[in-house]
């Protein structure tokens, strides 16, 4: 991986960065820039599904819920998708897991 030692922002982007820093980061431009880099990295490199975990029982206090992948009511099966950034998504049905929809 190449390291960037220095770079210059165009005047318009620098002005926008200063506005964001003033509004959200108590005038800390470094923090505003770090947040922007983090957001762009997530957009350019979205987390990928690393695998699925089968759940034996799901406690649904509000009754049956929809599958988070296809929104079908009371879907069969109970799976949780595990992503490369450590987040999880679930509960997914068997059909969504087989189709790779997470």
C-alpha atoms as a PDB file:
ATOM      1  CA  UNK A   1       0.000   0.000   0.000  1.00  0.00           C
ATOM      2  CA  UNK A   2       1.358   3.414  -0.931  1.00  0.00           C
ATOM      3  CA  UNK A   3       1.540   6.104   1.724  1.00  0.00           C
ATOM      4  CA  UNK A   4       0.437   9.621   1.001  1.00  0.00           C
ATOM      5  CA  UNK A   5       2.819  12.003   2.694  1.00  0.00           C
ATOM      6  CA  UNK A   6       1.096  15.207   1.665  1.00  0.00           C
ATOM      7  CA  UNK A   7      -1.679  16.403  -0.578  1.00  0.00           C
ATOM      8  CA  UNK A   8      -3.565  19.592  -1.291  1.00  0.00           C
ATOM      9  CA  UNK A   9      -7.294  19.988  -1.333  1.00  0.00           C
ATOM     10  CA  UNK A  10      -8.820  22.276  -3.934  1.00  0.00           C
ATOM     11  CA  UNK A  11      -9.995  25.582  -2.466  1.00  0.00           C
ATOM     12  CA  UNK A  12     -13.711  24.715  -2.728  1.00  0.00           C
ATOM     13  CA  UNK A  13     -13.294  21.364  -0.937  1.00  0.00           C
ATOM     14  CA  UNK A  14     -11.134  22.972   1.748  1.00  0.00           C
ATOM     15  CA  UNK A  15     -13.859  25.552   2.380  1.00  0.00           C
ATOM     16  CA  UNK A  16     -16.437  22.768   2.690  1.00  0.00           C
ATOM     17  CA  UNK A  17     -14.150  20.812   5.065  1.00  0.00           C
ATOM     18  CA  UNK A  18     -13.815  23.890   7.285  1.00  0.00           C
ATOM     19  CA  UNK A  19     -17.618  24.272   7.411  1.00  0.00           C
ATOM     20  CA  UNK A  20     -18.070  20.618   8.404  1.00  0.00           C
ATOM     21  CA  UNK A  21     -15.343  20.929  11.035  1.00  0.00           C
ATOM     22  CA  UNK A  22     -17.007  24.012  12.514  1.00  0.00           C
ATOM     23  CA  UNK A  23     -20.479  22.438  12.605  1.00  0.00           C
ATOM     24  CA  UNK A  24     -19.760  18.892  13.725  1.00  0.00           C
ATOM     25  CA  UNK A  25     -16.257  18.703  15.188  1.00  0.00           C
ATOM     26  CA  UNK A  26     -15.737  21.895  17.235  1.00  0.00           C
ATOM     27  CA  UNK A  27     -13.468  23.334  14.535  1.00  0.00           C
ATOM     28  CA  UNK A  28     -11.225  20.246  14.467  1.00  0.00           C
ATOM     29  CA  UNK A  29     -10.347  19.912  10.765  1.00  0.00           C
ATOM     30  CA  UNK A  30      -8.288  16.772  11.332  1.00  0.00           C
ATOM     31  CA  UNK A  31     -11.263  14.975  12.870  1.00  0.00           C
ATOM     32  CA  UNK A  32     -13.502  16.121  10.010  1.00  0.00           C
ATOM     33  CA  UNK A  33     -10.974  14.848   7.472  1.00  0.00           C
ATOM     34  CA  UNK A  34     -10.632  11.490   9.249  1.00  0.00           C
ATOM     35  CA  UNK A  35     -14.412  11.044   9.258  1.00  0.00           C
ATOM     36  CA  UNK A  36     -14.577  11.864   5.546  1.00  0.00           C
ATOM     37  CA  UNK A  37     -11.834   9.341   4.759  1.00  0.00           C
ATOM     38  CA  UNK A  38     -13.612   6.689   6.803  1.00  0.00           C
ATOM     39  CA  UNK A  39     -16.919   7.322   5.028  1.00  0.00           C
ATOM     40  CA  UNK A  40     -15.348   7.254   1.563  1.00  0.00           C
ATOM     41  CA  UNK A  41     -13.466   4.068   2.402  1.00  0.00           C
ATOM     42  CA  UNK A  42     -16.722   2.381   3.433  1.00  0.00           C
ATOM     43  CA  UNK A  43     -18.396   3.487   0.196  1.00  0.00           C
ATOM     44  CA  UNK A  44     -15.495   2.382  -2.010  1.00  0.00           C
ATOM     45  CA  UNK A  45     -14.838  -0.847  -0.108  1.00  0.00           C
ATOM     46  CA  UNK A  46     -18.152  -2.093   1.307  1.00  0.00           C
ATOM     47  CA  UNK A  47     -17.955  -4.971   3.782  1.00  0.00           C
ATOM     48  CA  UNK A  48     -18.396  -8.421   2.272  1.00  0.00           C
ATOM     49  CA  UNK A  49     -20.268 -11.388   3.699  1.00  0.00           C
ATOM     50  CA  UNK A  50     -17.789 -13.741   5.348  1.00  0.00           C
ATOM     51  CA  UNK A  51     -20.342 -16.413   6.151  1.00  0.00           C
ATOM     52  CA  UNK A  52     -23.633 -17.323   7.757  1.00  0.00           C
ATOM     53  CA  UNK A  53     -24.450 -18.709  11.186  1.00  0.00           C
ATOM     54  CA  UNK A  54     -27.511 -20.931  11.640  1.00  0.00           C
ATOM     55  CA  UNK A  55     -29.598 -20.156  14.711  1.00  0.00           C
ATOM     56  CA  UNK A  56     -31.613 -22.924  16.346  1.00  0.00           C
ATOM     57  CA  UNK A  57     -34.125 -20.742  18.138  1.00  0.00           C
ATOM     58  CA  UNK A  58     -35.220 -17.165  17.683  1.00  0.00           C
ATOM     59  CA  UNK A  59     -37.037 -15.403  20.497  1.00  0.00           C
ATOM     60  CA  UNK A  60     -39.473 -13.015  18.848  1.00  0.00           C
ATOM     61  CA  UNK A  61     -41.418 -11.245  21.592  1.00  0.00           C
ATOM     62  CA  UNK A  62     -43.535  -9.285  19.077  1.00  0.00           C
ATOM     63  CA  UNK A  63     -44.558 -12.349  17.099  1.00  0.00           C
ATOM     64  CA  UNK A  64     -43.157 -13.482  13.748  1.00  0.00           C
ATOM     65  CA  UNK A  65     -40.992 -10.953  11.928  1.00  0.00           C
ATOM     66  CA  UNK A  66     -40.081 -10.491   8.281  1.00  0.00           C
ATOM     67  CA  UNK A  67     -36.821 -11.778   6.796  1.00  0.00           C
ATOM     68  CA  UNK A  68     -34.386  -8.842   6.611  1.00  0.00           C
ATOM     69  CA  UNK A  69     -33.196  -9.972   3.170  1.00  0.00           C
ATOM     70  CA  UNK A  70     -36.447 -10.437   1.216  1.00  0.00           C
ATOM     71  CA  UNK A  71     -39.017  -9.036   3.683  1.00  0.00           C
ATOM     72  CA  UNK A  72     -41.163 -12.185   3.428  1.00  0.00           C
ATOM     73  CA  UNK A  73     -43.329 -12.631   6.521  1.00  0.00           C
ATOM     74  CA  UNK A  74     -42.503 -15.452   8.934  1.00  0.00           C
ATOM     75  CA  UNK A  75     -39.712 -16.819   6.764  1.00  0.00           C
ATOM     76  CA  UNK A  76     -38.459 -20.368   7.233  1.00  0.00           C
ATOM     77  CA  UNK A  77     -35.038 -20.885   8.753  1.00  0.00           C
ATOM     78  CA  UNK A  78     -33.033 -18.565  10.916  1.00  0.00           C
ATOM     79  CA  UNK A  79     -29.628 -17.337   9.779  1.00  0.00           C
ATOM     80  CA  UNK A  80     -27.339 -14.429  10.630  1.00  0.00           C
ATOM     81  CA  UNK A  81     -24.889 -12.996   8.074  1.00  0.00           C
ATOM     82  CA  UNK A  82     -21.411 -12.087   9.363  1.00  0.00           C
ATOM     83  CA  UNK A  83     -19.562  -9.302   7.502  1.00  0.00           C
ATOM     84  CA  UNK A  84     -15.857  -8.580   7.071  1.00  0.00           C
ATOM     85  CA  UNK A  85     -16.058  -5.479   9.282  1.00  0.00           C
ATOM     86  CA  UNK A  86     -17.484  -7.459  12.200  1.00  0.00           C
ATOM     87  CA  UNK A  87     -21.121  -6.449  11.833  1.00  0.00           C
ATOM     88  CA  UNK A  88     -23.974  -8.930  11.594  1.00  0.00           C
ATOM     89  CA  UNK A  89     -27.357  -8.908   9.877  1.00  0.00           C
ATOM     90  CA  UNK A  90     -30.244 -11.191  10.619  1.00  0.00           C
ATOM     91  CA  UNK A  91     -32.570 -12.928  10.889  1.00  0.00           C
ATOM     92  CA  UNK A  92     -32.469 -14.240   7.298  1.00  0.00           C
ATOM     93  CA  UNK A  93     -34.481 -17.038   5.692  1.00  0.00           C
ATOM     94  CA  UNK A  94     -33.079 -20.144   3.972  1.00  0.00           C
ATOM     95  CA  UNK A  95     -33.851 -18.754   0.512  1.00  0.00           C
ATOM     96  CA  UNK A  96     -31.880 -15.542   1.101  1.00  0.00           C
ATOM     97  CA  UNK A  97     -28.869 -17.461   2.421  1.00  0.00           C
ATOM     98  CA  UNK A  98     -28.842 -19.776  -0.601  1.00  0.00           C
ATOM     99  CA  UNK A  99     -29.205 -16.832  -2.986  1.00  0.00           C
ATOM    100  CA  UNK A 100     -26.514 -14.832  -1.154  1.00  0.00           C
ATOM    101  CA  UNK A 101     -28.851 -11.958  -0.291  1.00  0.00           C
ATOM    102  CA  UNK A 102     -27.739 -10.352   2.911  1.00  0.00           C
END
